[in-house]
N, C-alpha and C. Protein backbone atom coordinates (compact mmCIF):
# COMPACT_ATOMS: atom_id res chain seq x y z
N MET A 1 -13.80 30.01 10.94
CA MET A 1 -13.80 29.79 12.21
C MET A 1 -12.33 29.98 13.09
N TYR A 2 -12.19 30.45 14.23
CA TYR A 2 -10.91 30.46 14.54
C TYR A 2 -10.53 29.30 15.38
N ILE A 3 -9.01 29.32 15.16
CA ILE A 3 -8.52 28.03 16.26
C ILE A 3 -9.04 27.89 17.51
N SER A 4 -8.97 29.07 18.16
CA SER A 4 -9.29 29.07 19.44
C SER A 4 -10.57 28.84 19.78
N SER A 5 -11.47 28.44 18.85
CA SER A 5 -12.63 28.20 19.20
C SER A 5 -12.99 27.38 18.70
N ILE A 6 -11.88 26.36 18.22
CA ILE A 6 -12.13 25.31 17.49
C ILE A 6 -12.38 23.81 19.21
N SER A 7 -13.48 23.00 18.60
CA SER A 7 -13.97 22.17 19.89
C SER A 7 -12.66 21.19 20.21
N ASN A 8 -12.89 20.91 21.55
CA ASN A 8 -11.79 19.66 21.85
C ASN A 8 -11.77 18.51 20.71
N SER A 9 -13.29 18.43 20.58
CA SER A 9 -13.35 17.50 19.52
C SER A 9 -12.65 17.39 18.29
N SER A 10 -12.57 18.55 18.03
CA SER A 10 -12.06 18.97 16.43
C SER A 10 -10.64 18.99 16.46
N SER A 11 -9.94 19.44 17.64
CA SER A 11 -8.76 19.84 18.10
C SER A 11 -8.27 18.03 18.04
N ALA A 12 -9.13 17.10 18.92
CA ALA A 12 -8.50 15.68 18.42
C ALA A 12 -8.58 15.48 17.27
N SER A 13 -9.52 15.37 16.48
CA SER A 13 -9.48 15.01 15.38
C SER A 13 -8.31 15.51 14.59
N SER A 14 -7.75 16.80 14.55
CA SER A 14 -6.92 17.11 13.49
C SER A 14 -5.45 16.57 14.03
N ILE A 15 -4.93 16.05 15.23
CA ILE A 15 -4.25 15.87 15.93
C ILE A 15 -4.33 14.14 15.13
N GLN A 16 -5.26 13.27 15.50
CA GLN A 16 -5.58 12.28 14.82
C GLN A 16 -5.22 12.22 13.30
N SER A 17 -5.90 13.04 12.99
CA SER A 17 -5.98 13.26 10.95
C SER A 17 -4.31 12.85 10.82
N LEU A 18 -3.47 13.65 11.26
CA LEU A 18 -1.91 13.81 10.62
C LEU A 18 -1.30 12.72 11.35
N ASN A 19 -1.71 12.34 12.48
CA ASN A 19 -1.03 11.26 13.39
C ASN A 19 -1.03 9.76 12.20
N GLN A 20 -2.23 9.40 11.96
CA GLN A 20 -3.15 8.42 11.05
C GLN A 20 -2.09 8.07 9.85
N ILE A 21 -2.06 9.58 9.14
CA ILE A 21 -1.31 9.84 7.81
C ILE A 21 0.47 9.57 7.90
N LEU A 22 0.87 10.11 8.90
CA LEU A 22 2.29 9.79 9.20
C LEU A 22 2.54 8.47 9.78
N ALA A 23 1.75 7.98 10.34
CA ALA A 23 1.72 6.54 10.80
C ALA A 23 1.67 5.48 9.44
N ALA A 24 0.38 5.95 8.50
CA ALA A 24 0.14 5.19 7.44
C ALA A 24 1.32 4.98 6.50
N GLN A 25 2.38 6.42 6.15
CA GLN A 25 3.46 6.78 5.62
C GLN A 25 4.39 5.63 5.94
N GLU A 26 4.61 5.72 6.88
CA GLU A 26 5.70 4.88 7.67
C GLU A 26 5.65 3.50 7.46
N GLN A 27 4.21 2.90 7.58
CA GLN A 27 3.81 1.46 7.52
C GLN A 27 3.95 1.50 6.03
N ALA A 28 3.94 2.27 5.03
CA ALA A 28 3.79 1.72 3.80
C ALA A 28 5.30 1.71 3.12
N LYS A 29 5.82 2.75 3.79
CA LYS A 29 7.30 2.20 3.59
C LYS A 29 8.07 1.18 4.11
N LEU A 30 8.00 0.79 5.09
CA LEU A 30 7.90 -0.53 5.48
C LEU A 30 7.56 -1.81 4.51
N ARG A 31 6.23 -1.92 4.05
CA ARG A 31 5.92 -2.77 3.37
C ARG A 31 6.61 -2.89 1.92
N LEU A 32 6.78 -1.66 1.81
CA LEU A 32 7.46 -1.27 0.32
C LEU A 32 8.80 -1.89 0.65
N GLN A 33 9.84 -1.63 1.70
CA GLN A 33 10.89 -2.47 1.59
C GLN A 33 10.84 -3.90 1.85
N ALA A 34 9.79 -4.42 2.33
CA ALA A 34 9.44 -5.71 2.72
C ALA A 34 9.55 -6.32 1.60
N THR A 35 8.77 -5.59 0.29
CA THR A 35 8.49 -6.13 -0.93
C THR A 35 9.74 -6.22 -1.83
N GLU A 36 10.41 -5.08 -2.00
CA GLU A 36 11.57 -5.18 -2.69
C GLU A 36 12.62 -6.04 -2.16
N LYS A 37 12.40 -6.59 -0.61
CA LYS A 37 13.17 -7.67 -0.47
C LYS A 37 12.77 -9.01 -0.84
N GLN A 38 11.65 -8.89 -1.14
CA GLN A 38 11.06 -10.35 -1.17
C GLN A 38 11.18 -10.45 -2.65
N SER A 39 10.99 -9.32 -3.34
CA SER A 39 11.09 -9.35 -5.07
C SER A 39 12.59 -9.59 -5.51
N SER A 40 13.27 -9.19 -4.64
CA SER A 40 14.83 -9.58 -4.95
C SER A 40 14.86 -10.94 -4.82
N THR A 41 14.44 -11.77 -3.52
CA THR A 41 14.74 -13.14 -3.44
C THR A 41 14.58 -14.15 -4.39
N VAL A 42 12.76 -13.44 -4.85
CA VAL A 42 12.14 -14.06 -6.06
C VAL A 42 13.03 -14.37 -7.16
N GLN A 43 13.70 -13.25 -7.45
CA GLN A 43 14.51 -13.36 -8.93
C GLN A 43 15.62 -14.48 -8.93
N THR A 44 15.96 -14.45 -7.50
CA THR A 44 16.94 -15.36 -7.69
C THR A 44 16.45 -17.25 -7.76
N GLN A 45 15.20 -17.25 -7.34
CA GLN A 45 14.79 -18.65 -7.32
C GLN A 45 13.93 -19.06 -8.63
N ASP A 46 13.41 -20.13 -8.84
CA ASP A 46 12.61 -20.76 -9.90
C ASP A 46 11.10 -20.25 -9.60
N SER A 47 10.64 -20.51 -10.48
CA SER A 47 8.88 -20.10 -10.61
C SER A 47 7.81 -20.88 -9.70
N ALA A 48 8.83 -21.98 -9.28
CA ALA A 48 8.16 -22.57 -8.29
C ALA A 48 7.20 -22.01 -7.12
N GLU A 49 7.96 -21.12 -6.66
CA GLU A 49 7.49 -20.37 -5.32
C GLU A 49 6.35 -19.53 -5.82
N PHE A 50 6.69 -18.65 -6.73
CA PHE A 50 5.80 -17.18 -7.12
C PHE A 50 4.55 -17.56 -7.93
N SER A 51 4.65 -18.94 -8.51
CA SER A 51 3.66 -19.25 -9.88
C SER A 51 2.58 -19.25 -9.33
N PRO A 52 2.44 -20.62 -8.33
CA PRO A 52 1.12 -20.87 -7.69
C PRO A 52 0.75 -20.02 -6.76
N GLU A 53 1.54 -18.91 -6.41
CA GLU A 53 0.77 -17.71 -5.42
C GLU A 53 0.13 -16.64 -6.31
N ALA A 54 0.99 -16.55 -7.37
CA ALA A 54 0.11 -15.81 -8.52
C ALA A 54 -0.83 -16.45 -9.08
N LEU A 55 -1.09 -17.39 -9.15
CA LEU A 55 -2.33 -18.27 -10.04
C LEU A 55 -3.82 -17.81 -8.55
N GLN A 56 -3.07 -18.66 -7.65
CA GLN A 56 -4.35 -18.06 -6.50
C GLN A 56 -4.96 -16.83 -6.56
N ALA A 57 -3.75 -15.70 -6.46
CA ALA A 57 -4.37 -14.33 -6.62
C ALA A 57 -5.09 -13.79 -7.95
N SER A 58 -4.64 -14.43 -8.71
CA SER A 58 -5.58 -14.35 -10.00
C SER A 58 -6.85 -14.48 -9.90
N ARG A 59 -7.10 -15.95 -9.03
CA ARG A 59 -8.61 -16.21 -9.16
C ARG A 59 -9.55 -15.30 -8.72
N ASN A 60 -8.89 -14.11 -7.91
CA ASN A 60 -9.60 -12.89 -7.25
C ASN A 60 -10.23 -11.87 -8.51
N LEU A 61 -9.38 -12.37 -10.07
CA LEU A 61 -9.36 -11.27 -10.80
C LEU A 61 -10.70 -11.86 -11.63
N LYS A 62 -11.67 -10.44 -11.81
CA LYS A 62 -12.53 -10.77 -13.36
C LYS A 62 -12.13 -11.52 -14.06
N ILE A 63 -11.28 -11.24 -14.94
CA ILE A 63 -10.53 -12.11 -16.04
C ILE A 63 -9.19 -12.64 -15.51
N SER A 64 -8.90 -14.17 -15.87
CA SER A 64 -7.95 -14.23 -15.39
C SER A 64 -6.74 -14.44 -16.34
N PRO A 65 -5.56 -14.11 -16.02
CA PRO A 65 -4.54 -13.87 -16.88
C PRO A 65 -4.13 -15.03 -17.85
N LEU A 66 -4.45 -16.26 -17.39
CA LEU A 66 -4.39 -17.47 -18.68
C LEU A 66 -5.27 -16.98 -19.71
N ASP A 67 -6.62 -16.82 -19.11
CA ASP A 67 -7.56 -16.71 -20.25
C ASP A 67 -6.97 -15.61 -21.27
N GLY A 68 -6.48 -14.29 -21.10
CA GLY A 68 -5.71 -13.38 -21.88
C GLY A 68 -4.77 -14.12 -22.67
N LEU A 69 -4.04 -14.86 -22.13
CA LEU A 69 -2.92 -15.96 -23.14
C LEU A 69 -3.88 -16.55 -24.19
N VAL A 70 -4.71 -17.00 -23.76
CA VAL A 70 -5.73 -17.91 -24.63
C VAL A 70 -6.31 -17.02 -26.00
N SER A 71 -6.56 -15.85 -25.53
CA SER A 71 -7.38 -15.14 -26.29
C SER A 71 -6.39 -14.53 -27.12
N ASP A 72 -4.83 -14.26 -26.94
CA ASP A 72 -4.10 -13.64 -27.97
C ASP A 72 -3.42 -14.77 -28.64
N GLY A 73 -3.70 -16.35 -28.54
CA GLY A 73 -3.23 -17.25 -29.07
C GLY A 73 -2.07 -17.81 -28.33
N THR A 74 -1.33 -17.54 -27.31
CA THR A 74 -0.56 -17.87 -26.84
C THR A 74 -0.59 -19.35 -26.28
N ILE A 75 -1.01 -19.47 -25.68
CA ILE A 75 -2.00 -21.22 -25.29
C ILE A 75 -3.03 -21.32 -25.90
N THR A 76 -3.45 -22.78 -25.90
CA THR A 76 -4.75 -22.74 -26.34
C THR A 76 -5.63 -23.16 -25.07
N GLN A 77 -7.00 -23.48 -24.87
CA GLN A 77 -7.71 -23.51 -24.03
C GLN A 77 -7.60 -25.00 -23.10
N ASP A 78 -7.13 -25.87 -24.12
CA ASP A 78 -6.51 -27.43 -23.39
C ASP A 78 -5.44 -27.13 -22.47
N GLN A 79 -4.56 -26.10 -23.17
CA GLN A 79 -3.19 -26.07 -22.38
C GLN A 79 -3.70 -25.17 -21.03
N GLU A 80 -4.31 -24.24 -20.94
CA GLU A 80 -4.77 -23.26 -20.05
C GLU A 80 -5.32 -24.41 -19.12
N ASP A 81 -6.18 -25.22 -19.29
CA ASP A 81 -6.52 -26.27 -18.35
C ASP A 81 -5.97 -27.17 -17.82
N ALA A 82 -4.71 -27.58 -18.24
CA ALA A 82 -3.70 -28.62 -17.95
C ALA A 82 -2.52 -27.43 -17.04
N ILE A 83 -2.64 -26.20 -17.49
CA ILE A 83 -1.97 -25.41 -16.48
C ILE A 83 -2.67 -25.38 -14.98
N LYS A 84 -4.05 -24.87 -15.44
CA LYS A 84 -4.55 -24.56 -13.91
C LYS A 84 -4.71 -26.13 -13.24
N GLU A 85 -4.52 -27.06 -13.76
CA GLU A 85 -4.50 -28.49 -12.84
C GLU A 85 -3.33 -28.45 -12.33
N ALA A 86 -2.23 -28.38 -13.35
CA ALA A 86 -0.91 -28.46 -12.68
C ALA A 86 -0.49 -27.85 -11.39
N PHE A 87 -0.65 -26.18 -11.49
CA PHE A 87 -0.76 -25.78 -10.11
C PHE A 87 -1.35 -25.76 -9.39
N GLU A 88 -2.89 -26.32 -9.27
CA GLU A 88 -3.60 -26.69 -8.24
C GLU A 88 -3.03 -27.98 -7.34
N SER A 89 -2.50 -28.80 -8.24
CA SER A 89 -1.97 -29.78 -7.78
C SER A 89 -0.53 -29.31 -7.33
N ALA A 90 0.09 -28.91 -7.62
CA ALA A 90 1.48 -28.23 -6.63
C ALA A 90 1.10 -27.41 -5.11
N MET A 91 0.04 -26.67 -5.72
CA MET A 91 -0.40 -25.96 -4.51
C MET A 91 -0.50 -26.93 -2.93
N LYS A 92 -1.34 -28.35 -3.52
CA LYS A 92 -1.84 -29.13 -2.83
C LYS A 92 -0.86 -29.85 -2.30
N SER A 93 0.07 -30.48 -2.96
CA SER A 93 1.28 -30.87 -2.29
C SER A 93 2.21 -30.04 -1.62
N GLN A 94 2.33 -28.66 -1.79
CA GLN A 94 2.96 -27.86 -0.96
C GLN A 94 2.63 -27.74 0.63
N VAL A 95 1.42 -28.04 0.60
CA VAL A 95 0.97 -27.87 1.71
C VAL A 95 1.57 -28.71 2.97
N ASN A 96 1.87 -29.79 2.27
CA ASN A 96 2.84 -30.77 3.52
C ASN A 96 3.64 -31.40 3.44
N THR A 97 4.55 -30.39 2.31
CA THR A 97 6.24 -30.38 2.19
C THR A 97 6.72 -29.11 2.00
N THR A 98 7.67 -29.00 2.60
CA THR A 98 8.74 -27.97 2.12
C THR A 98 9.45 -27.82 0.89
N THR A 99 9.24 -29.32 0.16
CA THR A 99 9.85 -28.93 -1.19
C THR A 99 9.06 -28.14 -2.06
N GLU A 100 10.08 -27.50 -2.73
CA GLU A 100 9.29 -27.06 -4.00
C GLU A 100 9.47 -27.50 -5.50
N THR A 101 8.19 -27.48 -6.06
CA THR A 101 7.87 -28.05 -7.51
C THR A 101 7.46 -26.94 -8.26
N ASP A 102 8.20 -27.02 -9.59
CA ASP A 102 7.67 -26.01 -10.84
C ASP A 102 6.81 -26.57 -11.60
N PRO A 103 5.59 -26.56 -11.59
CA PRO A 103 4.58 -27.31 -12.31
C PRO A 103 4.88 -27.09 -13.92
N LEU A 104 5.20 -25.72 -14.25
CA LEU A 104 5.51 -24.94 -15.52
C LEU A 104 6.83 -26.35 -16.06
N ALA A 105 7.51 -26.47 -15.46
CA ALA A 105 8.81 -27.17 -15.53
C ALA A 105 8.42 -28.56 -15.90
N SER A 106 7.33 -29.03 -15.44
CA SER A 106 6.86 -30.30 -15.75
C SER A 106 6.12 -30.45 -16.68
N LEU A 107 5.30 -29.48 -17.15
CA LEU A 107 4.52 -28.88 -18.21
C LEU A 107 5.43 -29.12 -19.57
N VAL A 108 6.50 -28.37 -19.30
CA VAL A 108 7.23 -27.93 -20.63
C VAL A 108 7.99 -29.86 -20.89
N SER A 109 8.40 -30.27 -19.98
CA SER A 109 9.31 -31.72 -20.13
C SER A 109 8.33 -32.61 -20.77
N ASP A 110 7.23 -32.62 -20.32
CA ASP A 110 6.39 -33.10 -20.53
C ASP A 110 5.73 -33.57 -22.26
N GLY A 111 6.05 -32.10 -22.69
CA GLY A 111 5.39 -31.51 -24.09
C GLY A 111 3.92 -30.92 -24.08
N THR A 112 3.45 -30.65 -22.98
CA THR A 112 2.47 -30.01 -22.86
C THR A 112 2.43 -28.51 -23.21
N ILE A 113 3.57 -27.91 -23.09
CA ILE A 113 3.76 -26.50 -23.38
C ILE A 113 4.91 -26.31 -23.83
N SER A 114 5.67 -25.25 -24.77
CA SER A 114 7.26 -25.12 -25.11
C SER A 114 7.31 -24.28 -23.67
N GLN A 115 9.08 -23.89 -23.81
CA GLN A 115 9.61 -23.19 -23.03
C GLN A 115 8.84 -21.60 -23.14
N ASP A 116 8.89 -21.13 -24.46
CA ASP A 116 8.23 -20.11 -24.93
C ASP A 116 7.05 -19.88 -23.97
N GLN A 117 6.35 -21.02 -23.97
CA GLN A 117 4.95 -20.54 -23.40
C GLN A 117 5.22 -20.21 -22.00
N ALA A 118 5.95 -20.97 -21.61
CA ALA A 118 5.76 -21.12 -20.32
C ALA A 118 6.37 -19.33 -19.57
N ASP A 119 7.24 -18.99 -19.98
CA ASP A 119 7.80 -17.78 -19.67
C ASP A 119 7.04 -16.97 -19.95
N SER A 120 6.22 -16.84 -20.81
CA SER A 120 4.82 -16.25 -21.22
C SER A 120 4.01 -16.09 -19.99
N ILE A 121 3.86 -17.42 -19.47
CA ILE A 121 3.11 -17.49 -18.64
C ILE A 121 3.31 -17.17 -17.46
N LYS A 122 4.54 -17.46 -17.17
CA LYS A 122 5.24 -16.64 -15.63
C LYS A 122 5.18 -15.14 -15.81
N ASP A 123 5.15 -14.50 -16.86
CA ASP A 123 5.43 -13.15 -16.92
C ASP A 123 4.02 -12.70 -16.59
N ALA A 124 2.59 -13.29 -17.36
CA ALA A 124 1.59 -12.97 -17.25
C ALA A 124 0.96 -13.19 -15.77
N LEU A 125 1.40 -14.28 -14.72
CA LEU A 125 1.33 -14.42 -13.38
C LEU A 125 1.45 -13.69 -12.61
N ASP A 126 2.79 -13.38 -12.58
CA ASP A 126 3.54 -12.34 -11.92
C ASP A 126 2.93 -10.82 -11.75
N SER A 127 2.62 -10.67 -13.16
CA SER A 127 2.04 -9.31 -13.17
C SER A 127 0.78 -9.08 -12.85
N ALA A 128 -0.17 -10.50 -13.04
CA ALA A 128 -1.52 -10.16 -12.40
C ALA A 128 -1.51 -10.27 -10.82
N ARG A 129 -0.05 -10.75 -10.21
CA ARG A 129 -0.12 -10.87 -8.90
C ARG A 129 -0.47 -9.38 -7.95
N PRO A 130 -1.31 -9.28 -7.20
CA PRO A 130 -1.58 -8.04 -6.72
C PRO A 130 -0.41 -7.49 -5.60
N SER A 131 -0.12 -6.00 -5.79
CA SER A 131 0.91 -5.23 -5.64
C SER A 131 0.96 -5.43 -3.67
N GLN A 132 2.11 -5.93 -3.15
CA GLN A 132 1.90 -5.84 -1.81
C GLN A 132 2.07 -4.72 -1.17
N SER A 133 2.53 -3.45 -1.87
CA SER A 133 2.62 -2.05 -0.78
C SER A 133 1.63 -1.01 -1.40
N ARG A 134 0.88 -1.36 -0.26
CA ARG A 134 -0.23 -0.15 -0.52
C ARG A 134 0.54 1.54 -0.43
N PRO A 135 0.10 2.14 -1.56
CA PRO A 135 0.62 3.67 -1.58
C PRO A 135 0.76 4.47 -0.04
N ALA A 136 1.42 4.91 0.19
CA ALA A 136 1.83 5.88 1.13
C ALA A 136 0.72 7.14 1.06
N PRO A 137 -0.10 7.40 1.59
CA PRO A 137 -0.89 8.65 1.50
C PRO A 137 -0.22 9.81 1.51
N PRO A 138 -0.40 10.97 0.90
CA PRO A 138 0.61 11.80 0.82
C PRO A 138 0.01 12.84 2.13
N ASN A 139 1.46 13.40 2.46
CA ASN A 139 1.00 14.41 3.57
C ASN A 139 0.76 15.52 3.35
N PRO A 140 -0.33 16.20 4.12
CA PRO A 140 -1.59 17.15 3.60
C PRO A 140 -0.67 18.34 3.92
N LEU A 141 0.21 18.36 4.52
CA LEU A 141 1.25 19.48 4.67
C LEU A 141 2.14 19.70 3.91
N ASP A 142 2.53 18.82 3.42
CA ASP A 142 3.59 18.87 2.00
C ASP A 142 2.81 19.89 0.87
N SER A 143 1.44 19.54 0.97
CA SER A 143 1.04 20.15 -0.32
C SER A 143 0.59 21.75 -0.10
N LEU A 144 0.32 22.04 1.18
CA LEU A 144 0.48 23.50 1.65
C LEU A 144 1.91 24.15 1.87
N VAL A 145 2.87 23.47 1.47
CA VAL A 145 4.27 24.00 1.69
C VAL A 145 4.33 24.00 0.20
N THR A 146 4.10 23.39 -0.74
CA THR A 146 4.21 23.33 -2.53
C THR A 146 3.51 24.53 -2.89
N ASP A 147 2.07 24.59 -2.63
CA ASP A 147 1.71 26.13 -2.77
C ASP A 147 1.92 27.21 -2.00
N GLY A 148 2.51 27.22 -1.57
CA GLY A 148 3.17 28.62 -0.85
C GLY A 148 2.44 28.82 0.77
N THR A 149 0.94 27.96 1.15
CA THR A 149 0.60 28.32 2.13
C THR A 149 1.59 28.61 3.48
N ILE A 150 2.27 27.33 3.50
CA ILE A 150 3.08 27.51 4.88
C ILE A 150 4.53 27.20 4.37
N SER A 151 5.48 27.42 4.96
CA SER A 151 7.15 27.16 4.93
C SER A 151 7.33 26.05 5.53
N GLN A 152 8.75 25.31 4.79
CA GLN A 152 8.94 24.15 5.33
C GLN A 152 9.18 24.19 6.71
N ASP A 153 10.17 25.44 7.19
CA ASP A 153 9.85 25.20 8.68
C ASP A 153 8.82 25.18 9.70
N GLN A 154 7.70 25.90 8.98
CA GLN A 154 6.46 25.70 9.89
C GLN A 154 5.86 24.44 9.91
N GLU A 155 5.83 23.70 8.28
CA GLU A 155 5.59 22.30 8.24
C GLU A 155 6.33 21.46 9.80
N GLU A 156 7.33 21.40 9.47
CA GLU A 156 8.41 21.07 10.54
C GLU A 156 7.85 21.17 12.29
N ALA A 157 7.86 22.41 12.28
CA ALA A 157 7.22 23.07 13.24
C ALA A 157 5.61 22.36 13.84
N ILE A 158 4.78 22.37 12.82
CA ILE A 158 3.50 21.52 12.99
C ILE A 158 3.37 20.32 13.14
N LYS A 159 4.04 19.54 12.55
CA LYS A 159 4.42 18.20 12.88
C LYS A 159 5.11 17.80 14.18
N GLU A 160 5.68 18.81 14.82
CA GLU A 160 6.58 18.49 16.06
C GLU A 160 5.61 18.91 16.96
N ALA A 161 4.77 19.85 16.94
CA ALA A 161 3.54 20.14 17.91
C ALA A 161 2.62 19.11 18.04
N ILE A 162 2.21 18.65 17.04
CA ILE A 162 1.15 17.54 16.53
C ILE A 162 1.48 16.27 17.37
N GLU A 163 2.49 16.02 17.06
CA GLU A 163 3.25 14.54 17.87
C GLU A 163 3.36 14.87 19.47
N SER A 164 3.86 16.02 19.62
CA SER A 164 4.07 16.53 21.12
C SER A 164 2.47 16.34 21.78
N ALA A 165 1.55 16.57 21.06
CA ALA A 165 0.21 16.87 21.94
C ALA A 165 -0.26 15.60 21.82
N MET A 166 0.02 14.49 20.67
CA MET A 166 -0.46 13.01 20.70
C MET A 166 0.26 12.26 21.98
N LYS A 167 1.39 12.72 22.25
CA LYS A 167 1.94 11.78 23.20
C LYS A 167 1.56 12.30 24.59
N SER A 168 1.11 13.71 24.70
CA SER A 168 1.05 13.88 25.94
C SER A 168 -0.59 13.82 26.03
N GLN A 169 -1.56 13.57 25.37
CA GLN A 169 -2.84 13.13 25.52
C GLN A 169 -2.92 11.57 25.88
N ALA A 170 -2.00 10.98 25.55
CA ALA A 170 -1.83 9.50 25.55
C ALA A 170 -1.76 9.34 27.19
N SER A 171 -1.41 9.83 28.21
CA SER A 171 -1.64 9.91 29.50
C SER A 171 -2.32 11.02 30.60
N THR A 172 -3.18 11.51 29.54
CA THR A 172 -4.21 12.44 29.95
C THR A 172 -5.44 12.65 29.34
N THR A 173 -6.42 13.08 29.80
CA THR A 173 -7.73 13.41 29.61
C THR A 173 -7.84 14.67 28.87
N THR A 174 -6.67 15.47 29.23
CA THR A 174 -6.90 17.01 28.94
C THR A 174 -6.53 16.90 27.34
N LYS A 175 -7.49 18.02 26.50
CA LYS A 175 -7.06 17.99 25.31
C LYS A 175 -6.58 19.25 25.09
N THR A 176 -5.57 19.00 24.10
CA THR A 176 -4.47 20.81 23.92
C THR A 176 -4.88 20.79 22.41
N ASP A 177 -4.62 22.06 22.01
CA ASP A 177 -5.01 22.33 20.53
C ASP A 177 -3.75 23.04 20.10
N PRO A 178 -2.97 22.01 19.52
CA PRO A 178 -1.44 22.38 19.05
C PRO A 178 -1.64 23.76 18.08
N LEU A 179 -2.64 23.73 17.41
CA LEU A 179 -2.54 24.83 16.35
C LEU A 179 -2.58 26.18 16.73
N ALA A 180 -3.62 25.92 17.66
CA ALA A 180 -3.78 27.38 18.15
C ALA A 180 -2.67 27.78 19.20
N SER A 181 -1.81 26.87 19.84
CA SER A 181 -0.59 26.95 20.58
C SER A 181 0.38 28.08 19.48
N LEU A 182 0.44 27.38 18.23
CA LEU A 182 1.38 27.65 17.23
C LEU A 182 0.77 29.20 16.64
N VAL A 183 -0.62 29.37 16.59
CA VAL A 183 -0.81 30.67 16.40
C VAL A 183 -0.36 31.45 17.71
N SER A 184 -0.71 31.21 18.61
CA SER A 184 -0.33 31.95 20.13
C SER A 184 1.13 32.59 20.05
N ASN A 185 1.86 31.62 19.43
CA ASN A 185 3.17 32.16 19.50
C ASN A 185 3.92 32.66 18.29
N GLY A 186 3.10 32.85 17.32
CA GLY A 186 3.45 33.59 15.91
C GLY A 186 4.01 32.70 14.91
N ILE A 187 4.37 31.55 15.33
CA ILE A 187 4.89 30.37 14.15
C ILE A 187 4.02 30.21 12.98
N ILE A 188 2.84 30.39 13.40
CA ILE A 188 1.76 30.34 11.77
C ILE A 188 0.83 31.36 12.11
N THR A 189 0.23 32.21 11.23
CA THR A 189 -0.81 32.75 11.55
C THR A 189 -2.46 32.14 11.37
N GLN A 190 -3.12 32.93 12.28
CA GLN A 190 -4.49 32.37 12.10
C GLN A 190 -5.17 32.08 10.70
N ASP A 191 -5.29 32.70 9.82
CA ASP A 191 -5.85 31.97 8.49
C ASP A 191 -4.83 31.03 8.27
N GLN A 192 -3.55 30.69 8.35
CA GLN A 192 -2.92 29.41 8.03
C GLN A 192 -3.41 28.19 8.90
N GLY A 193 -3.67 28.95 9.80
CA GLY A 193 -4.18 27.47 11.33
C GLY A 193 -5.76 27.30 10.68
N ASN A 194 -6.66 28.11 10.19
CA ASN A 194 -7.87 27.40 9.57
C ASN A 194 -7.50 27.01 8.43
N ILE A 195 -6.78 27.26 7.59
CA ILE A 195 -6.55 26.38 6.33
C ILE A 195 -6.05 24.99 6.48
N ILE A 196 -5.17 25.03 7.65
CA ILE A 196 -4.41 23.59 7.89
C ILE A 196 -5.77 22.80 8.62
N GLN A 197 -6.53 23.28 9.42
CA GLN A 197 -7.55 22.47 10.04
C GLN A 197 -8.41 21.85 8.98
N THR A 198 -8.70 22.95 7.82
CA THR A 198 -9.53 22.27 6.40
C THR A 198 -8.96 21.27 5.99
N THR A 199 -7.66 21.40 5.77
CA THR A 199 -6.96 20.09 5.28
C THR A 199 -6.99 19.19 5.55
N PHE A 200 -6.80 18.92 6.84
CA PHE A 200 -6.45 18.03 7.97
C PHE A 200 -7.64 16.98 7.80
N ALA A 201 -8.88 17.73 7.62
CA ALA A 201 -10.10 16.74 7.81
C ALA A 201 -10.41 16.49 6.22
N THR A 202 -10.08 17.17 5.17
CA THR A 202 -10.27 16.70 3.98
C THR A 202 -9.44 15.38 3.84
N ALA A 203 -7.77 15.59 4.38
CA ALA A 203 -7.01 14.33 4.29
C ALA A 203 -7.51 13.06 4.98
N ARG A 204 -7.85 13.41 5.92
CA ARG A 204 -8.79 12.21 7.04
C ARG A 204 -9.79 11.58 6.26
N GLN A 205 -10.66 12.33 5.32
CA GLN A 205 -11.83 11.75 5.32
C GLN A 205 -11.09 10.52 3.83
N ALA A 206 -10.30 11.34 2.96
CA ALA A 206 -9.86 10.43 1.87
C ALA A 206 -9.26 9.28 2.58
N TYR A 207 -8.59 9.42 3.91
CA TYR A 207 -7.69 8.23 4.04
C TYR A 207 -8.70 7.19 4.44
N GLN A 208 -9.40 7.84 4.96
CA GLN A 208 -10.77 6.72 5.27
C GLN A 208 -11.39 5.93 4.37
N ARG A 209 -11.66 6.83 3.57
CA ARG A 209 -12.04 6.12 2.20
C ARG A 209 -10.83 4.70 1.30
N GLN A 210 -10.18 5.08 1.81
CA GLN A 210 -9.08 4.08 1.15
C GLN A 210 -8.74 2.98 2.07
N ALA A 211 -8.80 3.39 3.46
CA ALA A 211 -8.51 2.37 4.18
C ALA A 211 -9.67 0.96 3.81
């Protein structure tokens, strides 16, 4: 199938595919930066802020991280029950106040658990908290550069052409095929255009499955 014969619908899909992936990469980058900033802040605070949050997240897991600590003998079943009650109580109290409390510190103070057990619990709950940064989807054009299908300069030209087409289509109903234009002016060959078209379609399907 030649690029020049690609329907307007296919052309729009090609443009949208790369645009979605580029946008997702940028969003993932911003989420990663926000997560790194949050992690840096959490490291300077006591466990009060993140531990209840981690316990809440762990409820969505099939196996609670606290169950694992019971299984390996780090804590007893009675201690697990006491820890859950303490965290739930702390979460309820924090709904109506900005004052942070550390339920683990209280359990250590009253002798329910030891400091070593508290440290193990913090590590387990923090590890169980779902990652807030969804990995950025790979740029399909990068793989074509890696395998030698297109050059780095061609990749940049393709990105610019597609981004330009996206902008122009935002203000008009006329559909343009940036790949066909790149073939026409000799930036890429017809075979490269066909491979890029197929790669975009595959990448779009993979991205939609992950969404």
